[in-house]
Protein backbone atom coordinates (compact mmCIF):
# COMPACT_ATOMS: atom_id res chain seq x y z
CA MET A 1 -9.11 20.25 18.49
CA THR A 2 -7.74 17.08 17.08
CA LYS A 3 -6.27 14.27 19.40
CA ASP A 4 -3.90 12.91 16.54
CA VAL A 5 -1.58 15.05 14.71
CA ILE A 6 0.80 13.50 12.00
CA ALA A 7 4.04 14.76 10.60
CA LEU A 8 4.60 13.37 6.83
CA THR A 9 8.11 13.82 5.94
CA GLN A 10 10.63 13.22 3.51
CA ARG A 11 13.35 12.58 5.60
CA MET A 12 13.27 10.02 8.59
CA PRO A 13 13.25 11.86 11.79
CA ASP A 14 16.36 11.19 13.43
CA PRO A 15 17.23 10.78 17.20
CA TRP A 16 17.97 14.38 17.48
CA THR A 17 15.13 15.88 15.24
CA MET A 18 12.76 13.32 17.50
CA LEU A 19 14.37 15.12 20.84
CA ALA A 20 13.86 18.54 19.26
CA GLY A 21 10.31 17.77 18.85
CA LEU A 22 9.98 15.84 22.12
CA LEU A 23 11.55 19.24 23.81
CA SER A 24 8.05 21.13 22.82
CA GLY A 25 6.67 21.17 26.56
CA GLY A 26 10.38 22.40 27.85
CA PRO A 27 13.46 20.46 28.84
CA ASP A 28 11.42 19.73 32.14
CA LYS A 29 8.86 17.17 30.62
CA LEU A 30 9.36 13.39 31.40
CA MET A 31 9.86 11.06 28.95
CA ASP A 32 8.62 7.23 29.34
CA THR A 33 8.18 4.47 26.65
CA ALA A 34 5.52 1.64 25.75
CA GLY A 35 4.99 -1.08 23.65
CA ASP A 36 8.38 -2.47 23.76
CA GLY A 37 10.08 1.07 22.76
CA ALA A 38 7.86 1.56 19.66
CA VAL A 39 5.83 4.45 21.62
CA ILE A 40 7.38 7.34 23.49
CA ARG A 41 5.49 9.17 25.80
CA LEU A 42 5.97 12.95 27.47
CA CYS A 43 4.49 12.71 31.03
CA ASP A 44 3.67 15.36 33.49
CA SER A 45 5.59 15.54 36.93
CA GLU A 46 3.57 12.84 38.19
CA GLY A 47 4.40 10.21 35.01
CA ARG A 48 0.90 10.48 33.25
CA PRO A 49 1.30 10.84 29.91
CA LEU A 50 0.51 14.04 28.03
CA VAL A 51 1.54 13.13 24.31
CA SER A 52 2.36 9.71 23.26
CA VAL A 53 4.52 9.46 19.67
CA GLU A 54 4.48 6.49 17.54
CA ALA A 55 7.45 4.99 15.88
CA PRO A 56 8.09 6.97 12.33
CA LEU A 57 6.55 4.61 9.71
CA LEU A 58 8.34 4.30 6.15
CA VAL A 59 5.23 4.73 3.50
CA GLN A 60 5.99 3.11 0.01
CA VAL A 61 2.38 2.67 -1.17
CA ASP A 62 0.85 5.75 -3.32
CA GLY A 63 -2.38 7.32 -2.21
CA GLU A 64 -2.62 6.46 1.57
CA ALA A 65 -2.26 9.89 2.80
CA GLU A 66 -4.94 11.11 0.38
CA ARG A 67 -7.48 7.97 1.46
CA LEU A 68 -6.70 8.34 5.03
CA LEU A 69 -6.23 11.84 5.48
CA GLY A 70 -7.22 13.96 2.69
CA ALA A 71 -3.64 15.11 2.80
CA THR A 72 -0.96 15.60 0.58
CA PRO A 73 2.15 14.12 1.24
CA PRO A 74 5.94 14.18 0.28
CA PRO A 75 6.91 12.11 -2.82
CA LEU A 76 7.39 8.52 -2.33
CA PRO A 77 8.98 6.86 -0.13
CA TYR A 78 7.79 9.33 3.21
CA TRP A 79 7.85 9.16 6.55
CA TRP A 80 4.75 8.95 8.49
CA THR A 81 4.82 9.98 12.36
CA GLU A 82 2.02 10.19 14.57
CA ALA A 83 1.44 11.81 18.28
CA ARG A 84 -1.83 11.55 20.10
CA ALA A 85 -2.85 13.98 22.77
CA THR A 86 -4.59 13.01 26.10
CA THR A 87 -8.33 13.59 25.82
CA GLY A 88 -9.35 17.16 27.14
CA VAL A 89 -6.33 18.53 28.03
CA GLU A 90 -5.74 21.31 25.50
CA GLU A 91 -2.19 21.99 26.51
CA ALA A 92 -1.72 18.52 25.34
CA GLU A 93 -3.15 18.93 21.87
CA ARG A 94 -1.14 22.11 21.60
CA LEU A 95 2.01 20.10 22.54
CA ALA A 96 1.22 17.41 20.08
CA GLY A 97 0.62 19.84 17.44
CA THR A 98 4.30 21.63 18.09
CA PHE A 99 5.76 18.50 18.38
CA ALA A 100 4.76 17.51 14.56
CA ALA A 101 5.51 21.08 13.46
CA ARG A 102 9.11 20.52 14.61
CA LEU A 103 9.31 17.48 12.95
CA ALA A 104 7.91 18.58 9.59
CA SER A 105 10.28 21.72 9.84
CA LEU A 106 13.63 19.54 10.46
CA ALA A 107 12.71 16.60 8.37
CA ASP A 108 11.24 18.43 5.30
CA GLY A 109 7.73 17.70 5.26
CA SER A 110 4.21 18.91 6.23
CA ALA A 111 1.92 18.10 9.45
CA TRP A 112 -1.46 17.05 9.65
CA PRO A 113 -3.90 18.88 10.32
CA PRO A 114 -2.55 22.24 9.16
CA GLU A 115 -4.19 24.17 11.79
CA ALA A 116 -3.10 22.02 14.74
CA ALA A 117 0.74 22.46 13.77
CA HIS A 118 0.83 26.36 13.65
CA SER A 119 3.76 27.10 16.10
CA LEU A 120 7.22 26.11 17.02
CA ALA A 121 7.54 27.82 20.42
CA VAL A 122 7.73 25.48 23.73
CA VAL A 123 3.91 24.80 25.14
CA LYS A 124 3.41 26.13 28.73
CA THR A 125 2.05 22.96 30.58
CA ASP A 126 2.28 23.74 34.36
CA GLY A 127 -0.11 22.69 36.42
CA VAL A 128 -1.80 20.37 33.95
CA SER A 129 -3.58 17.58 35.31
CA VAL A 130 -4.36 14.38 33.10
CA ALA A 131 -6.55 11.45 33.00
CA PRO A 132 -5.57 8.89 35.69
CA THR A 133 -3.82 5.22 34.96
CA PRO A 134 -5.50 3.01 33.81
CA ALA A 135 -7.18 4.97 30.96
CA ALA A 136 -4.21 7.18 30.22
CA ALA A 137 -1.84 4.41 30.47
CA GLN A 138 -3.01 2.95 27.11
CA PRO A 139 -2.57 5.91 24.37
CA ALA A 140 -4.96 4.80 22.33
CA VAL A 141 -7.73 4.63 24.84
CA ASP A 142 -9.95 7.97 26.20
CA VAL A 143 -12.34 6.64 28.78
CA LEU A 144 -12.12 2.72 30.37
CA THR A 145 -15.23 1.08 32.14
CA ASP A 146 -15.50 -2.16 33.16
CA LYS A 147 -17.61 -2.93 29.95
CA VAL A 148 -15.83 -0.93 27.20
CA ALA A 149 -13.14 1.02 25.96
CA VAL A 150 -14.01 4.13 24.46
CA VAL A 151 -11.68 6.06 21.65
CA ILE A 152 -12.45 9.64 20.66
CA GLN A 153 -11.29 9.96 16.94
CA ASP A 154 -11.31 13.46 15.26
CA ARG A 155 -9.79 12.47 11.69
CA PRO A 156 -11.44 12.58 8.00
CA MET A 157 -11.34 8.53 8.55
CA VAL A 158 -10.63 6.34 11.32
CA ALA A 159 -8.28 3.94 10.16
CA MET A 160 -7.34 0.63 11.41
CA THR A 161 -3.87 2.40 12.76
CA ALA A 162 -1.54 0.49 15.05
CA TRP A 163 -2.95 2.28 17.92
CA LEU A 164 -6.75 0.96 17.04
CA SER A 165 -5.57 -2.16 16.52
CA ASP A 166 -3.56 -2.46 19.77
CA ALA A 167 -6.71 -1.00 21.34
CA LEU A 168 -8.99 -3.50 19.73
CA ARG A 169 -6.61 -6.47 20.73
CA THR A 170 -6.44 -5.31 24.35
CA ALA A 171 -10.02 -4.92 24.75
CA ALA A 172 -10.65 -8.28 23.45
CA ASN A 173 -8.25 -9.75 25.74
CA ASP A 174 -10.01 -8.00 28.96
CA GLU A 175 -13.28 -9.18 27.59
CA LEU A 176 -14.17 -5.75 26.66
CA GLY A 177 -16.21 -3.58 23.99
CA LEU A 178 -14.89 -1.24 21.73
CA GLN A 179 -16.65 1.86 21.21
CA ILE A 180 -15.34 4.71 18.97
CA VAL A 181 -16.53 8.27 19.24
CA THR A 182 -16.68 10.61 16.28
CA PRO A 183 -18.33 13.94 14.73
CA ALA A 184 -20.59 13.69 12.32
CA GLY A 185 -18.53 14.49 9.07
CA THR A 186 -16.10 11.41 9.88
CA THR A 187 -16.05 8.08 7.81
CA LEU A 188 -15.01 4.68 8.82
CA SER A 189 -12.31 2.54 6.86
CA PRO A 190 -13.87 -0.87 5.86
CA ALA A 191 -11.07 -2.57 7.95
CA VAL A 192 -12.33 -0.85 10.99
CA ARG A 193 -16.39 -1.47 10.34
CA ASP A 194 -15.56 -5.11 10.03
CA SER A 195 -13.68 -4.90 13.43
CA LEU A 196 -16.86 -3.74 14.86
CA SER A 197 -19.29 -6.58 14.80
CA SER A 198 -19.25 -7.91 18.41
CA TRP A 199 -21.75 -6.49 20.89
CA PRO A 200 -21.17 -4.11 22.75
CA SER A 201 -18.43 -2.65 20.17
CA ARG A 202 -19.82 0.14 18.19
CA TRP A 203 -19.25 3.19 16.10
CA VAL A 204 -21.00 6.54 17.91
CA VAL A 205 -21.33 9.42 15.95
CA ARG A 206 -22.03 12.81 17.86
CA ASP A 207 -25.41 14.57 16.30
CA GLU A 208 -26.96 17.99 16.97
CA ARG A 209 -30.26 16.40 16.78
CA ASP A 210 -30.34 13.27 18.50
CA GLY A 211 -27.13 13.66 20.73
CA TYR A 212 -25.94 10.38 19.56
CA TYR A 213 -26.29 7.35 17.11
CA ASP A 214 -24.72 4.12 15.88
CA GLY A 215 -22.84 4.94 12.80
CA LEU A 216 -23.57 1.72 11.39
CA SER A 217 -27.18 0.91 12.53
CA GLY A 218 -28.60 4.37 12.94
CA ALA A 219 -30.06 3.49 16.65
CA VAL A 220 -29.92 6.52 18.88
CA LEU A 221 -27.53 5.86 21.90
CA ARG A 222 -27.07 7.25 25.18
CA TRP A 223 -24.37 6.68 27.97
CA GLN A 224 -25.56 4.38 30.46
CA GLU A 225 -23.85 2.17 33.15
CA GLY A 226 -20.76 2.45 31.57
CA MET A 227 -21.04 2.32 27.98
CA PHE A 228 -23.19 3.75 25.03
CA THR A 229 -26.35 1.84 24.81
CA PRO A 230 -29.62 2.07 22.41
CA VAL A 231 -32.53 4.30 23.66
CA PRO A 232 -35.70 2.50 23.89
CA ALA A 233 -38.56 3.93 21.66
CA ALA A 234 -41.40 5.71 23.47
CA ASP A 235 -43.65 2.37 22.53
CA ALA A 236 -40.87 -0.09 23.51
CA THR A 237 -41.73 -3.14 25.30
CA SER A 238 -39.76 -6.21 26.21
CA ASP A 239 -41.32 -8.42 23.67
CA ASP A 240 -40.65 -5.49 21.13
CA PRO A 241 -37.48 -3.72 22.23
CA ARG A 242 -37.29 -1.02 19.46
CA THR A 243 -35.06 1.68 19.31
CA PRO A 244 -35.67 5.23 17.19
CA VAL A 245 -33.38 5.76 14.27
CA ALA A 246 -31.35 8.85 14.11
CA ALA A 247 -32.94 11.54 11.52
CA SER A 248 -29.22 12.15 10.16
CA TYR A 249 -28.34 8.06 9.56
CA GLN A 250 -31.58 8.43 7.28
CA GLU A 251 -30.59 11.39 4.98
CA ALA A 252 -29.15 9.06 2.31
CA THR A 253 -28.90 10.43 -1.12
CA THR A 254 -28.46 8.25 -4.20
CA THR A 255 -25.34 8.91 -6.32
CA GLY A 256 -25.23 6.07 -8.70
CA GLU A 257 -21.67 4.61 -7.26
CA ARG A 258 -21.47 1.12 -6.33
CA GLN A 259 -19.49 -1.74 -4.58
CA LEU A 260 -18.32 -4.94 -5.73
CA ALA A 261 -17.62 -7.18 -2.55
CA ILE A 262 -15.93 -10.18 -2.46
CA THR A 263 -15.45 -12.67 0.58
CA PHE A 264 -13.90 -16.05 0.06
CA ARG A 265 -12.25 -18.76 2.33
CA ALA A 266 -9.38 -20.81 1.00
CA VAL A 267 -7.48 -23.74 3.21
CA HIS A 268 -4.05 -24.82 1.96
CA PRO A 269 -2.18 -27.87 2.80
CA ALA A 270 0.25 -26.92 5.78
CA ASP A 271 3.45 -27.20 3.55
CA GLU A 272 6.68 -24.84 3.94
CA ARG A 273 6.65 -24.33 0.23
CA LEU A 274 3.44 -22.52 0.56
CA VAL A 275 3.13 -18.75 -0.26
CA LEU A 276 0.13 -16.75 0.85
CA GLY A 277 -1.63 -13.69 -0.74
CA GLY A 278 -1.75 -15.58 -4.06
CA ALA A 279 -5.18 -15.92 -4.17
CA LEU A 280 -6.05 -12.61 -3.27
CA GLU A 281 -3.76 -11.02 -5.99
CA SER A 282 -5.25 -13.37 -8.69
CA VAL A 283 -8.72 -12.17 -7.95
CA TRP A 284 -7.30 -8.49 -7.80
CA ARG A 285 -5.74 -9.23 -11.48
CA GLU A 286 -9.07 -10.76 -12.91
CA ILE A 287 -11.17 -7.46 -11.66
CA THR A 288 -8.92 -4.56 -12.30
CA GLY A 289 -6.19 -6.00 -14.63
CA GLU A 290 -3.20 -5.16 -12.29
CA PRO A 291 -1.90 -6.68 -8.77
CA PRO A 292 -2.51 -4.85 -5.53
CA ALA A 293 -0.58 -1.90 -4.67
CA GLY A 294 0.50 -2.32 -1.21
CA TRP A 295 -0.09 -4.15 2.60
CA GLY A 296 0.51 -3.75 5.82
CA THR A 297 -0.34 -5.05 9.21
CA ALA A 298 -2.28 -1.68 10.01
CA GLU A 299 -3.44 1.40 8.16
CA PRO A 300 -1.61 3.09 6.42
CA ALA A 301 -0.66 0.37 4.26
CA ASN A 302 2.96 1.07 3.97
CA LEU A 303 4.78 -1.58 2.20
CA PRO A 304 4.77 -2.75 -1.70
CA TRP A 305 2.95 -5.59 -2.27
CA SER A 306 4.69 -8.87 -1.80
CA PRO A 307 3.24 -12.32 -1.09
CA ARG A 308 6.14 -13.79 0.07
CA GLN A 309 6.70 -11.28 2.44
CA MET A 310 3.24 -11.43 3.83
CA THR A 311 4.19 -15.26 3.99
CA ASP A 312 7.10 -14.74 6.20
CA LEU A 313 5.40 -12.57 8.56
CA ALA A 314 2.70 -15.13 8.99
CA TYR A 315 4.94 -17.78 9.28
CA GLU A 316 7.17 -15.94 12.13
CA ARG A 317 4.03 -15.22 14.14
CA ALA A 318 2.25 -18.73 13.73
CA PRO A 319 0.56 -20.36 15.67
CA GLU A 320 -0.90 -17.06 16.29
CA PRO A 321 -3.27 -15.63 13.73
CA THR A 322 -2.22 -12.72 11.17
CA TRP A 323 -4.16 -9.87 10.29
CA PHE A 324 -3.30 -7.78 6.92
CA VAL A 325 -4.60 -5.03 5.24
CA VAL A 326 -4.26 -4.67 1.17
CA VAL A 327 -4.89 -1.76 -0.80
CA GLY A 328 -5.31 -0.94 -4.53
CA ALA A 329 -3.93 1.89 -6.70
CA PRO A 330 -5.44 5.17 -6.36
CA GLY A 331 -7.41 4.88 -9.72
CA ARG A 332 -9.02 2.24 -8.74
CA PRO A 333 -10.27 2.11 -5.30
CA GLY A 334 -9.81 -1.37 -3.65
CA LEU A 335 -9.36 -2.64 -0.20
CA ALA A 336 -9.10 -5.90 1.14
CA THR A 337 -8.55 -7.77 4.68
CA VAL A 338 -6.98 -11.09 5.28
CA ARG A 339 -6.90 -13.16 8.09
CA ILE A 340 -4.42 -16.05 8.17
CA SER A 341 -4.98 -18.76 10.85
CA ARG A 342 -3.24 -22.46 11.87
CA THR A 343 -6.14 -24.80 12.05
CA LYS A 344 -6.51 -28.58 11.95
CA ALA A 345 -7.60 -28.43 8.41
CA GLY A 346 -4.24 -26.51 7.08
CA VAL A 347 -3.57 -23.11 6.79
CA GLU A 348 -6.65 -20.90 6.66
CA GLU A 349 -7.03 -17.80 4.36
CA HIS A 350 -9.89 -15.59 4.95
CA THR A 351 -10.37 -12.79 2.62
CA THR A 352 -12.60 -9.50 2.57
CA LEU A 353 -12.12 -7.44 -0.65
CA ALA A 354 -14.22 -4.51 -2.05
CA PHE A 355 -13.75 -2.40 -5.04
CA GLY A 356 -15.46 0.99 -5.82
CA TYR A 357 -17.25 2.03 -9.01
CA GLY A 358 -18.40 5.81 -9.84
CA PRO A 359 -21.70 6.37 -11.92
CA ASP A 360 -20.37 5.95 -15.16
CA GLU A 361 -18.41 2.85 -14.25
CA GLU A 362 -19.47 -0.56 -14.74
CA PRO A 363 -18.39 -3.15 -12.54
CA PRO A 364 -16.85 -6.27 -14.44
CA VAL A 365 -19.52 -8.77 -13.43
CA ASP A 366 -18.38 -11.23 -16.45
CA ASN A 367 -14.84 -11.71 -14.95
CA LEU A 368 -16.17 -12.98 -11.86
CA PRO A 369 -16.29 -16.78 -12.94
CA ALA A 370 -12.65 -16.52 -14.26
CA ALA A 371 -11.90 -15.24 -10.95
CA ALA A 372 -13.73 -18.29 -9.13
CA GLU A 373 -11.73 -20.57 -11.50
CA GLN A 374 -8.71 -19.03 -10.32
CA LEU A 375 -9.53 -19.59 -6.74
CA ALA A 376 -10.74 -23.31 -7.44
CA THR A 377 -7.85 -24.53 -9.36
CA ARG A 378 -4.76 -22.73 -8.03
CA HIS A 379 -5.72 -21.69 -4.62
CA HIS A 380 -7.95 -24.45 -2.81
CA LEU A 381 -11.04 -22.15 -2.80
CA GLN A 382 -13.49 -23.76 0.19
CA SER A 383 -16.15 -21.05 -0.85
CA MET A 384 -16.95 -17.43 -2.12
CA LEU A 385 -19.70 -15.04 -2.15
CA VAL A 386 -20.04 -11.86 -4.48
CA GLN A 387 -22.35 -9.11 -3.69
CA LEU A 388 -23.02 -5.66 -5.46
CA ARG A 389 -24.26 -2.55 -3.27
CA LYS A 390 -24.95 0.82 -3.72
CA ALA A 391 -22.19 2.46 -1.32
CA ARG A 392 -19.11 5.10 -2.00
CA ARG A 393 -16.81 4.54 -4.88
CA ASP A 394 -13.78 5.40 -2.48
CA LEU A 395 -15.07 2.91 -0.19
CA ALA A 396 -15.35 5.09 2.88
CA VAL A 397 -18.00 4.15 5.27
CA PRO A 398 -20.23 7.21 6.09
CA PRO A 399 -22.47 7.48 9.10
CA ARG A 400 -25.69 7.34 6.78
CA PHE A 401 -28.05 4.13 5.56
CA GLU A 402 -26.43 3.07 2.32
CA GLY A 403 -28.53 -0.19 2.20
CA PRO A 404 -27.35 -4.14 2.26
CA GLY A 405 -25.61 -5.58 -0.70
CA VAL A 406 -27.24 -8.37 -3.22
CA PRO A 407 -25.65 -11.43 -4.07
CA LEU A 408 -24.57 -11.59 -7.63
CA ALA A 409 -22.90 -15.49 -7.17
CA PHE A 410 -21.62 -17.98 -4.84
CA ALA A 411 -18.64 -20.77 -5.63
CA LEU A 412 -18.17 -24.00 -3.87
CA GLY A 413 -14.86 -25.28 -3.90
CA ALA A 414 -13.88 -28.95 -5.50
CA GLU A 415 -13.63 -30.68 -2.46
CA GLU A 416 -16.78 -29.04 -0.84
CA VAL A 417 -18.73 -30.17 -3.98
CA ARG A 418 -17.27 -33.74 -3.84
CA GLN A 419 -18.37 -34.32 -0.13
CA LEU A 420 -22.20 -33.72 -0.80
CA PRO A 421 -24.03 -36.92 -1.61
CA ASP A 422 -25.46 -37.94 -4.84
CA ASP A 423 -25.50 -35.05 -7.41
CA ARG A 424 -26.87 -32.41 -4.70
CA ALA A 425 -24.37 -29.63 -5.78
CA ARG A 426 -25.41 -29.77 -9.28
CA ARG A 427 -29.28 -30.34 -9.06
CA THR A 428 -30.30 -27.03 -7.29
CA PRO A 429 -33.83 -25.22 -6.71
CA LEU A 430 -32.37 -22.30 -8.63
CA SER A 431 -33.32 -21.27 -12.34
CA GLN A 432 -29.75 -21.41 -13.51
CA SER A 433 -27.48 -24.40 -13.43
CA PRO A 434 -24.13 -24.06 -11.89
CA VAL A 435 -21.07 -23.69 -13.65
CA PRO A 436 -18.38 -25.96 -13.44
CA LEU A 437 -14.85 -24.67 -12.90
CA GLY A 438 -11.87 -26.85 -13.40
CA PRO A 439 -11.25 -30.25 -14.21
CA LYS A 440 -14.33 -32.16 -15.13
CA THR A 441 -13.43 -35.11 -12.92
CA ARG A 442 -13.10 -33.25 -9.92
CA PRO A 443 -14.99 -29.57 -10.75
CA ALA A 444 -15.73 -26.66 -8.50
CA LEU A 445 -19.43 -25.02 -8.97
CA TYR A 446 -20.14 -21.43 -9.70
CA TYR A 447 -23.80 -20.59 -8.72
CA PRO A 448 -24.98 -17.23 -10.81
CA LEU A 449 -27.61 -15.23 -8.97
CA PRO A 450 -29.59 -12.41 -10.30
CA GLY A 451 -27.44 -9.54 -8.57
CA ASP A 452 -29.84 -6.47 -8.89
CA PRO A 453 -29.20 -3.99 -6.24
CA SER A 454 -32.58 -2.57 -6.59
CA ASP A 455 -34.37 -6.05 -5.83
CA LEU A 456 -33.30 -7.82 -2.55
CA SER A 457 -35.29 -10.68 -3.58
CA GLY A 458 -31.45 -12.16 -4.51
CA TRP A 459 -31.16 -13.22 -0.98
CA GLN A 460 -34.06 -15.58 -1.21
CA ASP A 461 -32.48 -17.25 -3.86
CA PHE A 462 -29.19 -17.55 -1.84
CA GLU A 463 -30.90 -18.95 1.26
CA ARG A 464 -32.85 -21.38 -0.61
CA LEU A 465 -29.51 -22.64 -1.89
CA MET A 466 -27.96 -22.53 1.29
CA ARG A 467 -30.91 -24.75 2.63
CA HIS A 468 -30.46 -26.87 -0.26
CA LEU A 469 -26.91 -27.57 0.17
CA LYS A 470 -26.90 -27.91 4.18
CA ASP A 471 -29.55 -30.17 3.85
CA ALA A 472 -27.34 -32.98 2.42
């Protein structure tokens, strides 16, 4: 059964509606709060959580329920309320379902998944025992060891929800990895994939043939010494520590779908008039012809696109860094993550962006030089890398091999070009000369690369270019 149940309602669940839902376990259940009151918990007689309920979120961005849940929500705007049951307690899972069903009934909406919210009756929970503190004390964490925090997710797509973001942050603060366990049919949001890059964090996929494997590398895994670790191959040695690759991971199919991936860094002068998000909007408009649709500090992205609001939030959180997720309209899948941080150099804006294209759609690669020029002349570009990869149009990350991207282009900001000695930035070992961007007296440079998804030799050209620039 699912661990997460979500109510999507036309009206905001008011206090009386929330109370009716919270009485799903009967009036004798204890209630507690966490996260400065943002999370309400139904507890057993000893105060251990059975169900944790997140504060309702107003979603004003089209397509998020469809993208993350495969569900049809009420008309915009609508309210998104999540309930998470304690792992392994069947009554707790039924209690979460009944809570969501009651909210959906009283606030005009629906519950996801439909099969979890089938009853409005009071759920009997007498004699239930749940996970002890500290694992149950953090609603997003199912298993806690001295090495990792383990989260079990049973959703169509594991998204960077507020709960998961909190689990990642807490694990990092405690110097722990985060391991996400899912069934075979689940995908990841790109925002979650990018957060699992540091060992021992990983995506653990349950598999009928191999037990468990890493959804991003395919390595067969086993639970050992308090975390999931790769299984050594039969012929592995200390000098060659190979691990077998799961058969399911290797079952890739060619669909003709592609993704255009753009990563760039901009460094702005620390000025009170600075508005963040303009660099991302400029690129988005050049590639798609329209601005982003929405943004948020977690998924679902719930707020209409507004660089000013993003800037205000980043300013309030400074000097701590701020992380955003940005999405596009459903017709053109697009997703970006933006990290804002205050450094000695100024205000750094690091953006990772991807757009998806079907087999009958051509990525607008001819628009890339104009996008780079926008960044270079208006948004203090430091560097930009563009890749093309064979991957899903909807941007979901499957537990299958998709192959690496290949570089289409690299751009260097005007200040970085100026700092290189002689004419090194212009005279490169590449067959194509760089394209100057912006003023002739102080240009940025755009380096075209082969960019054939079937030919990884483009990385050799990119590495040659990087060695040439770094040897200055």
